[in-house]
Each structure stands twice: as structure tokens, then as C-alpha cells.
């Protein structure tokens, strides 16, 4: 078993061959590549059975059913790497995401062993699957994926599990300060909206590739709403109020010490300056 594991890891990591540099640099590179292979990971048992998404039912899969989708952390780079180096795994991951939608009506956001944690921001399944499709990996049900994306992008806030503050975003092009902070993390209006802009731009590209030109124009227009937040006075993004005015007074550096403050730097609550210094001192990096 040890030999089989060694051979499997050697085969997996050998998708890339690096030359030059020092031995330490090569070890760092392959260690980082190894880390990319830890999650998402396979969920099903040896007989193919797995827990269905947000259900007590047991499903059976023929391919690999993946779990642990930390999509807000991985949609920018990890899945693009999989698409280029491990397309077989990426396709199984995309198919798993689409099956989750079929099982309970929503794409994963931060899924963990068949349960949705609703952690972090945005609508991150859209850029992951769009990027996969546009790079030429298309052996999956893209029409069902597109259906799921339009649902999360257009369903009113009251019934929208993925975008619970989408109403003003659709009506005004931005999310007002203080509208939504269900996780008690303070105001996240700017970061919520920015993630929606990213998702909607990706959705416009997918719509265009599928020949849905009107949809493509609609979602591309929505994605340009980030201009609402740009403050010429500070050269940064700045929270806006329900009346359309910028937050005043405004300090763009507020939150730099990880205290909770609205602004272009939206920090974690409850961490004081002294606690932050303690964290820095104790950190090996």
C-alpha cells in the first residue's frame, strides 16, 4: 500500500517537471503542488454511495463525487490550475457541483460533506464552471449549470440563499451600507457586491458562449456596477448609503489593524490592535 501511494503521488505530481533553481526551491514548488491536491476530495465510499446534498438520502455515483468546496478561496486560481493540469479531476468536480444543484436547488458556496456552510462571499461557482467551459472542458451539463446561475443571479433576496442582498444590487447597481450582515461580521456591502460583479461578468461570458446574447448584455451591464463604489476623492472603493451618497466621514485606512470598519478594507470583528500585534509576533511567517 505504501508503494502504491508513493507511485500515485509521484504520477500526480509529475504532471509538471521543473528544472533549475535550488533543491529547496524545487521542494517548495512540489510541496505547493501537493497542497493543491488535498481538497476538494472524494466523498463516496468504495461502493459509490455518498450523502446527498442537504439531505438524509444516500446517493450512488459512477464517477467521483467531490466534497469540501472552499470556492471563495479557490475560484481565482486552484480550479484554473486543475483545468490545465488535471482536467479529468476538474470535470468530476464540476459534475459534482451540478449534481448538488439538482439535489437541493443551489450551487455550492462553501460545501462540506454534503452540507452548505454559507461561509464567505459571493456566487463563486459561476466563475469556476464558466472558466472550465471556456477553456474547452465541456463534458458536463452546461445547460443545467446555466439554469442554476441565472437562478442565483435573479431570484429576489427573500428567496435567494446565494445572494440574500441582491434586490438593491439589481435595482441600483450596488448594495447600500448596513443592509446585510447576517454573520455578525459587520458591514460587508462592498465586498458582497464586488463578488457579484465578478460572478455576473463570468456569467455574461458564458451566456455569450451559449448564444444567449440578450442575457450576455444584461449580466455584463450588471458587472460594471463596481463604478458606483469608486471614489475619485480617495482613489479607492467606498461604501455607499441607501440614498446614493458615499459614506461620510470616510477613512480608507480604517481596518488596516484588523479592527471592524466599513471601507475598501473590511476586516474581521473583535480583533484589537494589541491582539493583532500578538498574532504577528507568534506567527512563524
C-alpha atoms as a PDB file:
ATOM      1  CA  UNK A   1       0.000   0.000   0.000  1.00  0.00           C
ATOM      2  CA  UNK A   2       2.885   2.336   0.757  1.00  0.00           C
ATOM      3  CA  UNK A   3       4.387   1.650  -2.654  1.00  0.00           C
ATOM      4  CA  UNK A   4       1.028   2.218  -4.377  1.00  0.00           C
ATOM      5  CA  UNK A   5       0.569   5.518  -2.563  1.00  0.00           C
ATOM      6  CA  UNK A   6       4.097   6.589  -3.488  1.00  0.00           C
ATOM      7  CA  UNK A   7       3.542   5.731  -7.136  1.00  0.00           C
ATOM      8  CA  UNK A   8       0.195   7.513  -7.257  1.00  0.00           C
ATOM      9  CA  UNK A   9       1.590  10.709  -5.734  1.00  0.00           C
ATOM     10  CA  UNK A  10       4.638  10.545  -7.999  1.00  0.00           C
ATOM     11  CA  UNK A  11       2.389  10.229 -11.048  1.00  0.00           C
ATOM     12  CA  UNK A  12       0.161  13.093  -9.876  1.00  0.00           C
ATOM     13  CA  UNK A  13       2.983  15.495  -9.123  1.00  0.00           C
ATOM     14  CA  UNK A  14       4.852  14.567 -12.298  1.00  0.00           C
ATOM     15  CA  UNK A  15       2.273  16.416 -14.394  1.00  0.00           C
ATOM     16  CA  UNK A  16       4.808  19.248 -14.101  1.00  0.00           C
ATOM     17  CA  UNK A  17       8.561  18.875 -14.451  1.00  0.00           C
ATOM     18  CA  UNK A  18      10.648  21.754 -13.144  1.00  0.00           C
ATOM     19  CA  UNK A  19      14.309  22.415 -13.862  1.00  0.00           C
ATOM     20  CA  UNK A  20      16.846  24.824 -12.429  1.00  0.00           C
ATOM     21  CA  UNK A  21      16.698  26.630  -9.127  1.00  0.00           C
ATOM     22  CA  UNK A  22      17.863  25.122  -5.870  1.00  0.00           C
ATOM     23  CA  UNK A  23      16.760  21.860  -4.321  1.00  0.00           C
ATOM     24  CA  UNK A  24      14.946  23.867  -1.632  1.00  0.00           C
ATOM     25  CA  UNK A  25      13.031  25.819  -4.288  1.00  0.00           C
ATOM     26  CA  UNK A  26      12.042  22.623  -6.078  1.00  0.00           C
ATOM     27  CA  UNK A  27      10.851  21.126  -2.796  1.00  0.00           C
ATOM     28  CA  UNK A  28       8.769  24.231  -2.137  1.00  0.00           C
ATOM     29  CA  UNK A  29       7.243  24.013  -5.625  1.00  0.00           C
ATOM     30  CA  UNK A  30       6.239  20.355  -5.336  1.00  0.00           C
ATOM     31  CA  UNK A  31       5.013  20.814  -1.780  1.00  0.00           C
ATOM     32  CA  UNK A  32       2.734  23.596  -3.036  1.00  0.00           C
ATOM     33  CA  UNK A  33       1.527  21.394  -5.900  1.00  0.00           C
ATOM     34  CA  UNK A  34       0.867  18.612  -3.370  1.00  0.00           C
ATOM     35  CA  UNK A  35      -1.224  21.012  -1.306  1.00  0.00           C
ATOM     36  CA  UNK A  36      -3.468  21.742  -4.301  1.00  0.00           C
ATOM     37  CA  UNK A  37      -4.426  18.058  -4.375  1.00  0.00           C
ATOM     38  CA  UNK A  38      -5.875  17.855  -0.862  1.00  0.00           C
ATOM     39  CA  UNK A  39      -9.262  19.499  -1.447  1.00  0.00           C
ATOM     40  CA  UNK A  40     -11.787  19.118  -2.919  1.00  0.00           C
ATOM     41  CA  UNK A  41     -11.560  15.448  -2.095  1.00  0.00           C
ATOM     42  CA  UNK A  42     -13.565  12.316  -2.909  1.00  0.00           C
ATOM     43  CA  UNK A  43     -16.720  11.794  -0.846  1.00  0.00           C
ATOM     44  CA  UNK A  44     -18.162   8.439  -1.913  1.00  0.00           C
ATOM     45  CA  UNK A  45     -17.496   5.119  -0.208  1.00  0.00           C
ATOM     46  CA  UNK A  46     -15.979   2.129  -2.041  1.00  0.00           C
ATOM     47  CA  UNK A  47     -19.461   1.132  -3.260  1.00  0.00           C
ATOM     48  CA  UNK A  48     -20.143   4.563  -4.738  1.00  0.00           C
ATOM     49  CA  UNK A  49     -22.555   5.693  -2.031  1.00  0.00           C
ATOM     50  CA  UNK A  50     -22.469   9.241  -0.671  1.00  0.00           C
ATOM     51  CA  UNK A  51     -24.735  11.572   1.330  1.00  0.00           C
ATOM     52  CA  UNK A  52     -26.820  13.748  -0.981  1.00  0.00           C
ATOM     53  CA  UNK A  53     -26.605  17.499  -0.631  1.00  0.00           C
ATOM     54  CA  UNK A  54     -28.576  18.804   2.368  1.00  0.00           C
ATOM     55  CA  UNK A  55     -30.473  15.516   2.607  1.00  0.00           C
ATOM     56  CA  UNK A  56     -30.712  12.362   4.653  1.00  0.00           C
ATOM     57  CA  UNK A  57     -30.851  10.359   1.434  1.00  0.00           C
ATOM     58  CA  UNK A  58     -27.974   8.276   0.132  1.00  0.00           C
ATOM     59  CA  UNK A  59     -26.975   8.556  -3.499  1.00  0.00           C
ATOM     60  CA  UNK A  60     -24.771   6.367  -5.663  1.00  0.00           C
ATOM     61  CA  UNK A  61     -22.275   7.765  -8.132  1.00  0.00           C
ATOM     62  CA  UNK A  62     -20.477   6.113 -11.019  1.00  0.00           C
ATOM     63  CA  UNK A  63     -17.739   8.713 -11.186  1.00  0.00           C
ATOM     64  CA  UNK A  64     -16.083  10.530  -8.322  1.00  0.00           C
ATOM     65  CA  UNK A  65     -18.283  12.689  -6.127  1.00  0.00           C
ATOM     66  CA  UNK A  66     -16.227  15.527  -4.656  1.00  0.00           C
ATOM     67  CA  UNK A  67     -16.697  17.498  -1.454  1.00  0.00           C
ATOM     68  CA  UNK A  68     -15.100  20.347   0.537  1.00  0.00           C
ATOM     69  CA  UNK A  69     -15.665  23.196  -1.905  1.00  0.00           C
ATOM     70  CA  UNK A  70     -13.979  26.210  -0.385  1.00  0.00           C
ATOM     71  CA  UNK A  71     -14.912  28.103  -3.522  1.00  0.00           C
ATOM     72  CA  UNK A  72     -14.306  31.666  -2.334  1.00  0.00           C
ATOM     73  CA  UNK A  73     -10.725  30.572  -1.649  1.00  0.00           C
ATOM     74  CA  UNK A  74     -10.224  28.555  -4.837  1.00  0.00           C
ATOM     75  CA  UNK A  75     -12.231  30.106  -7.680  1.00  0.00           C
ATOM     76  CA  UNK A  76      -9.433  32.531  -8.596  1.00  0.00           C
ATOM     77  CA  UNK A  77      -6.591  30.059  -9.108  1.00  0.00           C
ATOM     78  CA  UNK A  78      -6.923  26.458  -7.886  1.00  0.00           C
ATOM     79  CA  UNK A  79      -9.630  25.359 -10.315  1.00  0.00           C
ATOM     80  CA  UNK A  80      -7.886  27.070 -13.216  1.00  0.00           C
ATOM     81  CA  UNK A  81      -4.809  25.024 -12.333  1.00  0.00           C
ATOM     82  CA  UNK A  82      -6.899  21.829 -12.249  1.00  0.00           C
ATOM     83  CA  UNK A  83      -8.404  22.681 -15.633  1.00  0.00           C
ATOM     84  CA  UNK A  84      -4.927  22.942 -17.141  1.00  0.00           C
ATOM     85  CA  UNK A  85      -3.147  20.098 -15.334  1.00  0.00           C
ATOM     86  CA  UNK A  86      -5.838  17.719 -14.059  1.00  0.00           C
ATOM     87  CA  UNK A  87      -8.803  18.114 -16.446  1.00  0.00           C
ATOM     88  CA  UNK A  88     -10.201  14.695 -15.503  1.00  0.00           C
ATOM     89  CA  UNK A  89     -10.479  15.747 -11.859  1.00  0.00           C
ATOM     90  CA  UNK A  90     -11.827  19.184 -12.738  1.00  0.00           C
ATOM     91  CA  UNK A  91     -14.611  17.666 -14.823  1.00  0.00           C
ATOM     92  CA  UNK A  92     -15.617  15.379 -11.954  1.00  0.00           C
ATOM     93  CA  UNK A  93     -15.597  18.390  -9.624  1.00  0.00           C
ATOM     94  CA  UNK A  94     -17.833  20.374 -11.962  1.00  0.00           C
ATOM     95  CA  UNK A  95     -20.196  17.431 -12.392  1.00  0.00           C
ATOM     96  CA  UNK A  96     -20.349  17.079  -8.603  1.00  0.00           C
ATOM     97  CA  UNK A  97     -21.311  20.741  -8.259  1.00  0.00           C
ATOM     98  CA  UNK A  98     -24.086  20.361 -10.824  1.00  0.00           C
ATOM     99  CA  UNK A  99     -25.401  17.271  -9.018  1.00  0.00           C
ATOM    100  CA  UNK A 100     -25.522  19.298  -5.797  1.00  0.00           C
ATOM    101  CA  UNK A 101     -27.746  21.809  -7.569  1.00  0.00           C
ATOM    102  CA  UNK A 102     -30.013  19.029  -8.821  1.00  0.00           C
ATOM    103  CA  UNK A 103     -30.262  17.599  -5.301  1.00  0.00           C
ATOM    104  CA  UNK A 104     -31.242  20.741  -3.446  1.00  0.00           C
ATOM    105  CA  UNK A 105     -31.619  23.651  -5.817  1.00  0.00           C
ATOM    106  CA  UNK A 106     -28.423  25.675  -5.296  1.00  0.00           C
ATOM    107  CA  UNK A 107     -24.828  25.501  -6.379  1.00  0.00           C
ATOM    108  CA  UNK A 108     -22.254  25.051  -3.606  1.00  0.00           C
ATOM    109  CA  UNK A 109     -20.742  28.119  -1.976  1.00  0.00           C
ATOM    110  CA  UNK A 110     -18.633  26.561   0.797  1.00  0.00           C
ATOM    111  CA  UNK A 111     -19.878  22.958   0.862  1.00  0.00           C
ATOM    112  CA  UNK A 112     -18.636  20.479   3.460  1.00  0.00           C
ATOM    113  CA  UNK A 113     -19.537  16.771   3.290  1.00  0.00           C
ATOM    114  CA  UNK A 114     -22.960  17.331   1.789  1.00  0.00           C
ATOM    115  CA  UNK A 115     -23.840  20.409   3.850  1.00  0.00           C
ATOM    116  CA  UNK A 116     -23.678  24.081   2.909  1.00  0.00           C
ATOM    117  CA  UNK A 117     -21.869  26.271   5.425  1.00  0.00           C
ATOM    118  CA  UNK A 118     -22.665  29.609   3.674  1.00  0.00           C
ATOM    119  CA  UNK A 119     -19.165  30.772   4.544  1.00  0.00           C
ATOM    120  CA  UNK A 120     -17.547  33.747   2.814  1.00  0.00           C
ATOM    121  CA  UNK A 121     -18.760  35.853  -0.088  1.00  0.00           C
ATOM    122  CA  UNK A 122     -20.319  35.930  -3.485  1.00  0.00           C
ATOM    123  CA  UNK A 123     -21.522  33.389  -6.033  1.00  0.00           C
ATOM    124  CA  UNK A 124     -18.244  31.568  -6.707  1.00  0.00           C
ATOM    125  CA  UNK A 125     -19.481  28.517  -8.616  1.00  0.00           C
ATOM    126  CA  UNK A 126     -20.144  30.741 -11.634  1.00  0.00           C
ATOM    127  CA  UNK A 127     -16.536  31.769 -12.418  1.00  0.00           C
ATOM    128  CA  UNK A 128     -15.297  28.217 -11.714  1.00  0.00           C
ATOM    129  CA  UNK A 129     -17.613  26.485 -14.172  1.00  0.00           C
ATOM    130  CA  UNK A 130     -17.504  29.296 -16.740  1.00  0.00           C
ATOM    131  CA  UNK A 131     -13.711  29.194 -16.816  1.00  0.00           C
ATOM    132  CA  UNK A 132     -13.810  25.416 -17.212  1.00  0.00           C
ATOM    133  CA  UNK A 133     -16.232  25.662 -20.136  1.00  0.00           C
ATOM    134  CA  UNK A 134     -14.400  28.487 -21.893  1.00  0.00           C
ATOM    135  CA  UNK A 135     -11.093  26.615 -21.648  1.00  0.00           C
ATOM    136  CA  UNK A 136     -12.636  23.744 -23.609  1.00  0.00           C
ATOM    137  CA  UNK A 137     -13.656  21.211 -20.958  1.00  0.00           C
ATOM    138  CA  UNK A 138     -17.318  20.714 -21.870  1.00  0.00           C
ATOM    139  CA  UNK A 139     -18.219  17.150 -20.952  1.00  0.00           C
ATOM    140  CA  UNK A 140     -20.817  18.226 -18.400  1.00  0.00           C
ATOM    141  CA  UNK A 141     -24.392  19.505 -18.316  1.00  0.00           C
ATOM    142  CA  UNK A 142     -23.725  23.170 -19.031  1.00  0.00           C
ATOM    143  CA  UNK A 143     -27.427  23.976 -19.556  1.00  0.00           C
ATOM    144  CA  UNK A 144     -28.294  22.882 -16.018  1.00  0.00           C
ATOM    145  CA  UNK A 145     -25.315  24.852 -14.719  1.00  0.00           C
ATOM    146  CA  UNK A 146     -26.532  27.924 -16.591  1.00  0.00           C
ATOM    147  CA  UNK A 147     -30.018  27.444 -15.144  1.00  0.00           C
ATOM    148  CA  UNK A 148     -28.526  27.406 -11.648  1.00  0.00           C
ATOM    149  CA  UNK A 149     -26.505  30.552 -12.319  1.00  0.00           C
ATOM    150  CA  UNK A 150     -29.462  32.533 -13.632  1.00  0.00           C
ATOM    151  CA  UNK A 151     -31.485  31.433 -10.613  1.00  0.00           C
ATOM    152  CA  UNK A 152     -28.964  32.759  -8.099  1.00  0.00           C
ATOM    153  CA  UNK A 153     -28.369  35.922 -10.134  1.00  0.00           C
ATOM    154  CA  UNK A 154     -32.038  36.895 -10.491  1.00  0.00           C
ATOM    155  CA  UNK A 155     -34.062  35.426  -7.606  1.00  0.00           C
ATOM    156  CA  UNK A 156     -35.299  38.158  -5.207  1.00  0.00           C
ATOM    157  CA  UNK A 157     -33.475  38.486  -1.899  1.00  0.00           C
ATOM    158  CA  UNK A 158     -36.241  36.939   0.196  1.00  0.00           C
ATOM    159  CA  UNK A 159     -35.901  33.592  -1.588  1.00  0.00           C
ATOM    160  CA  UNK A 160     -32.255  33.807  -2.603  1.00  0.00           C
ATOM    161  CA  UNK A 161     -29.965  31.660  -0.485  1.00  0.00           C
ATOM    162  CA  UNK A 162     -26.882  32.531  -2.534  1.00  0.00           C
ATOM    163  CA  UNK A 163     -27.383  36.303  -2.814  1.00  0.00           C
ATOM    164  CA  UNK A 164     -29.570  37.388   0.114  1.00  0.00           C
ATOM    165  CA  UNK A 165     -28.946  41.105  -0.540  1.00  0.00           C
ATOM    166  CA  UNK A 166     -29.425  41.083  -4.304  1.00  0.00           C
ATOM    167  CA  UNK A 167     -32.514  43.345  -4.519  1.00  0.00           C
ATOM    168  CA  UNK A 168     -30.723  46.731  -4.359  1.00  0.00           C
ATOM    169  CA  UNK A 169     -27.892  45.313  -6.438  1.00  0.00           C
ATOM    170  CA  UNK A 170     -30.362  44.593  -9.242  1.00  0.00           C
ATOM    171  CA  UNK A 171     -32.283  47.845  -8.793  1.00  0.00           C
ATOM    172  CA  UNK A 172     -29.462  50.305  -8.105  1.00  0.00           C
ATOM    173  CA  UNK A 173     -26.295  48.510  -9.165  1.00  0.00           C
ATOM    174  CA  UNK A 174     -24.846  48.451  -5.641  1.00  0.00           C
ATOM    175  CA  UNK A 175     -25.598  47.260  -2.089  1.00  0.00           C
ATOM    176  CA  UNK A 176     -26.164  50.015   0.489  1.00  0.00           C
ATOM    177  CA  UNK A 177     -24.123  50.159   3.666  1.00  0.00           C
ATOM    178  CA  UNK A 178     -25.683  48.299   6.576  1.00  0.00           C
ATOM    179  CA  UNK A 179     -28.233  46.342   4.576  1.00  0.00           C
ATOM    180  CA  UNK A 180     -26.975  42.866   5.337  1.00  0.00           C
ATOM    181  CA  UNK A 181     -24.645  41.425   7.962  1.00  0.00           C
ATOM    182  CA  UNK A 182     -26.228  38.120   8.903  1.00  0.00           C
ATOM    183  CA  UNK A 183     -22.994  36.605  10.185  1.00  0.00           C
ATOM    184  CA  UNK A 184     -22.336  39.490  12.614  1.00  0.00           C
ATOM    185  CA  UNK A 185     -19.116  40.370  10.804  1.00  0.00           C
ATOM    186  CA  UNK A 186     -20.070  43.990  10.377  1.00  0.00           C
ATOM    187  CA  UNK A 187     -20.862  45.637   7.090  1.00  0.00           C
ATOM    188  CA  UNK A 188     -19.822  43.637   4.035  1.00  0.00           C
ATOM    189  CA  UNK A 189     -21.757  45.574   1.415  1.00  0.00           C
ATOM    190  CA  UNK A 190     -18.786  46.464  -0.773  1.00  0.00           C
ATOM    191  CA  UNK A 191     -17.201  43.016  -0.754  1.00  0.00           C
ATOM    192  CA  UNK A 192     -20.573  41.321  -1.351  1.00  0.00           C
ATOM    193  CA  UNK A 193     -21.230  43.491  -4.388  1.00  0.00           C
ATOM    194  CA  UNK A 194     -17.713  43.098  -5.775  1.00  0.00           C
ATOM    195  CA  UNK A 195     -18.093  39.328  -5.703  1.00  0.00           C
ATOM    196  CA  UNK A 196     -21.419  39.608  -7.528  1.00  0.00           C
ATOM    197  CA  UNK A 197     -19.773  41.764 -10.204  1.00  0.00           C
ATOM    198  CA  UNK A 198     -17.125  39.073 -10.717  1.00  0.00           C
ATOM    199  CA  UNK A 199     -19.783  36.353 -10.940  1.00  0.00           C
ATOM    200  CA  UNK A 200     -22.005  38.327 -13.302  1.00  0.00           C
ATOM    201  CA  UNK A 201     -19.127  39.167 -15.628  1.00  0.00           C
ATOM    202  CA  UNK A 202     -18.289  35.456 -15.815  1.00  0.00           C
ATOM    203  CA  UNK A 203     -21.970  34.689 -16.379  1.00  0.00           C
ATOM    204  CA  UNK A 204     -22.075  37.189 -19.249  1.00  0.00           C
ATOM    205  CA  UNK A 205     -19.174  35.369 -20.883  1.00  0.00           C
ATOM    206  CA  UNK A 206     -20.880  32.002 -20.505  1.00  0.00           C
ATOM    207  CA  UNK A 207     -24.142  33.406 -21.861  1.00  0.00           C
ATOM    208  CA  UNK A 208     -22.291  34.783 -24.863  1.00  0.00           C
ATOM    209  CA  UNK A 209     -20.608  31.418 -25.493  1.00  0.00           C
ATOM    210  CA  UNK A 210     -24.016  29.703 -25.346  1.00  0.00           C
ATOM    211  CA  UNK A 211     -25.521  32.140 -27.831  1.00  0.00           C
ATOM    212  CA  UNK A 212     -27.696  33.930 -25.259  1.00  0.00           C
ATOM    213  CA  UNK A 213     -26.821  37.426 -26.432  1.00  0.00           C
ATOM    214  CA  UNK A 214     -29.504  39.342 -24.509  1.00  0.00           C
ATOM    215  CA  UNK A 215     -28.505  37.632 -21.267  1.00  0.00           C
ATOM    216  CA  UNK A 216     -24.864  38.377 -22.002  1.00  0.00           C
ATOM    217  CA  UNK A 217     -25.582  42.105 -22.382  1.00  0.00           C
ATOM    218  CA  UNK A 218     -27.711  42.143 -19.211  1.00  0.00           C
ATOM    219  CA  UNK A 219     -25.141  40.489 -16.966  1.00  0.00           C
ATOM    220  CA  UNK A 220     -22.266  42.453 -18.464  1.00  0.00           C
ATOM    221  CA  UNK A 221     -24.123  45.663 -17.632  1.00  0.00           C
ATOM    222  CA  UNK A 222     -24.652  44.487 -14.049  1.00  0.00           C
ATOM    223  CA  UNK A 223     -20.974  43.616 -13.711  1.00  0.00           C
ATOM    224  CA  UNK A 224     -19.969  47.190 -14.497  1.00  0.00           C
ATOM    225  CA  UNK A 225     -21.723  48.415 -11.342  1.00  0.00           C
ATOM    226  CA  UNK A 226     -18.436  48.491  -9.442  1.00  0.00           C
ATOM    227  CA  UNK A 227     -18.076  52.042 -10.785  1.00  0.00           C
ATOM    228  CA  UNK A 228     -20.719  53.007  -8.220  1.00  0.00           C
ATOM    229  CA  UNK A 229     -18.216  52.454  -5.437  1.00  0.00           C
ATOM    230  CA  UNK A 230     -15.224  54.245  -6.926  1.00  0.00           C
ATOM    231  CA  UNK A 231     -14.362  57.444  -5.063  1.00  0.00           C
ATOM    232  CA  UNK A 232     -12.227  59.884  -7.055  1.00  0.00           C
ATOM    233  CA  UNK A 233     -11.517  61.758  -3.841  1.00  0.00           C
ATOM    234  CA  UNK A 234      -9.625  58.822  -2.327  1.00  0.00           C
ATOM    235  CA  UNK A 235      -8.867  56.679  -5.358  1.00  0.00           C
ATOM    236  CA  UNK A 236     -10.464  53.702  -3.631  1.00  0.00           C
ATOM    237  CA  UNK A 237     -13.766  51.896  -3.410  1.00  0.00           C
ATOM    238  CA  UNK A 238     -16.031  53.476  -0.804  1.00  0.00           C
ATOM    239  CA  UNK A 239     -19.291  52.302   0.815  1.00  0.00           C
ATOM    240  CA  UNK A 240     -22.500  53.958  -0.326  1.00  0.00           C
ATOM    241  CA  UNK A 241     -25.656  54.753   1.599  1.00  0.00           C
ATOM    242  CA  UNK A 242     -29.214  53.923   0.570  1.00  0.00           C
ATOM    243  CA  UNK A 243     -29.672  57.474  -0.737  1.00  0.00           C
ATOM    244  CA  UNK A 244     -26.758  57.029  -3.130  1.00  0.00           C
ATOM    245  CA  UNK A 245     -24.308  59.187  -1.193  1.00  0.00           C
ATOM    246  CA  UNK A 246     -20.854  57.981  -0.195  1.00  0.00           C
ATOM    247  CA  UNK A 247     -20.203  57.108   3.448  1.00  0.00           C
ATOM    248  CA  UNK A 248     -19.027  60.258   5.249  1.00  0.00           C
ATOM    249  CA  UNK A 249     -16.740  60.642   7.102  1.00  0.00           C
ATOM    250  CA  UNK A 250     -14.552  58.016   5.471  1.00  0.00           C
ATOM    251  CA  UNK A 251     -11.071  56.819   6.308  1.00  0.00           C
ATOM    252  CA  UNK A 252      -9.761  54.393   3.664  1.00  0.00           C
ATOM    253  CA  UNK A 253      -7.106  53.156   6.097  1.00  0.00           C
ATOM    254  CA  UNK A 254      -9.650  52.191   8.758  1.00  0.00           C
ATOM    255  CA  UNK A 255      -9.481  48.464   9.407  1.00  0.00           C
ATOM    256  CA  UNK A 256      -5.813  48.154   8.496  1.00  0.00           C
ATOM    257  CA  UNK A 257      -5.165  46.884  12.022  1.00  0.00           C
ATOM    258  CA  UNK A 258      -7.912  44.261  11.539  1.00  0.00           C
ATOM    259  CA  UNK A 259     -10.480  46.123  13.601  1.00  0.00           C
ATOM    260  CA  UNK A 260     -14.005  46.048  12.241  1.00  0.00           C
ATOM    261  CA  UNK A 261     -14.535  49.024   9.942  1.00  0.00           C
ATOM    262  CA  UNK A 262     -16.516  49.636   6.764  1.00  0.00           C
ATOM    263  CA  UNK A 263     -14.466  50.615   3.768  1.00  0.00           C
ATOM    264  CA  UNK A 264     -12.419  49.135   0.996  1.00  0.00           C
ATOM    265  CA  UNK A 265     -10.607  47.138   3.689  1.00  0.00           C
ATOM    266  CA  UNK A 266     -13.347  45.228   5.507  1.00  0.00           C
ATOM    267  CA  UNK A 267     -11.790  43.485   8.467  1.00  0.00           C
ATOM    268  CA  UNK A 268     -12.654  40.835  10.978  1.00  0.00           C
ATOM    269  CA  UNK A 269     -14.583  41.958  14.053  1.00  0.00           C
ATOM    270  CA  UNK A 270     -13.311  41.622  17.563  1.00  0.00           C
ATOM    271  CA  UNK A 271      -9.573  41.734  16.834  1.00  0.00           C
ATOM    272  CA  UNK A 272      -7.947  44.682  18.559  1.00  0.00           C
ATOM    273  CA  UNK A 273      -4.661  46.322  17.623  1.00  0.00           C
ATOM    274  CA  UNK A 274      -2.890  44.640  20.546  1.00  0.00           C
ATOM    275  CA  UNK A 275      -4.328  41.234  19.592  1.00  0.00           C
ATOM    276  CA  UNK A 276      -3.163  41.762  16.005  1.00  0.00           C
ATOM    277  CA  UNK A 277       0.364  42.562  17.213  1.00  0.00           C
ATOM    278  CA  UNK A 278       0.347  39.411  19.333  1.00  0.00           C
ATOM    279  CA  UNK A 279      -0.710  37.360  16.310  1.00  0.00           C
ATOM    280  CA  UNK A 280       2.118  38.815  14.246  1.00  0.00           C
ATOM    281  CA  UNK A 281       4.688  38.090  16.945  1.00  0.00           C
ATOM    282  CA  UNK A 282       3.567  34.483  17.324  1.00  0.00           C
ATOM    283  CA  UNK A 283       3.343  33.790  13.593  1.00  0.00           C
ATOM    284  CA  UNK A 284       6.258  31.849  12.046  1.00  0.00           C
ATOM    285  CA  UNK A 285       5.790  33.835   8.826  1.00  0.00           C
END
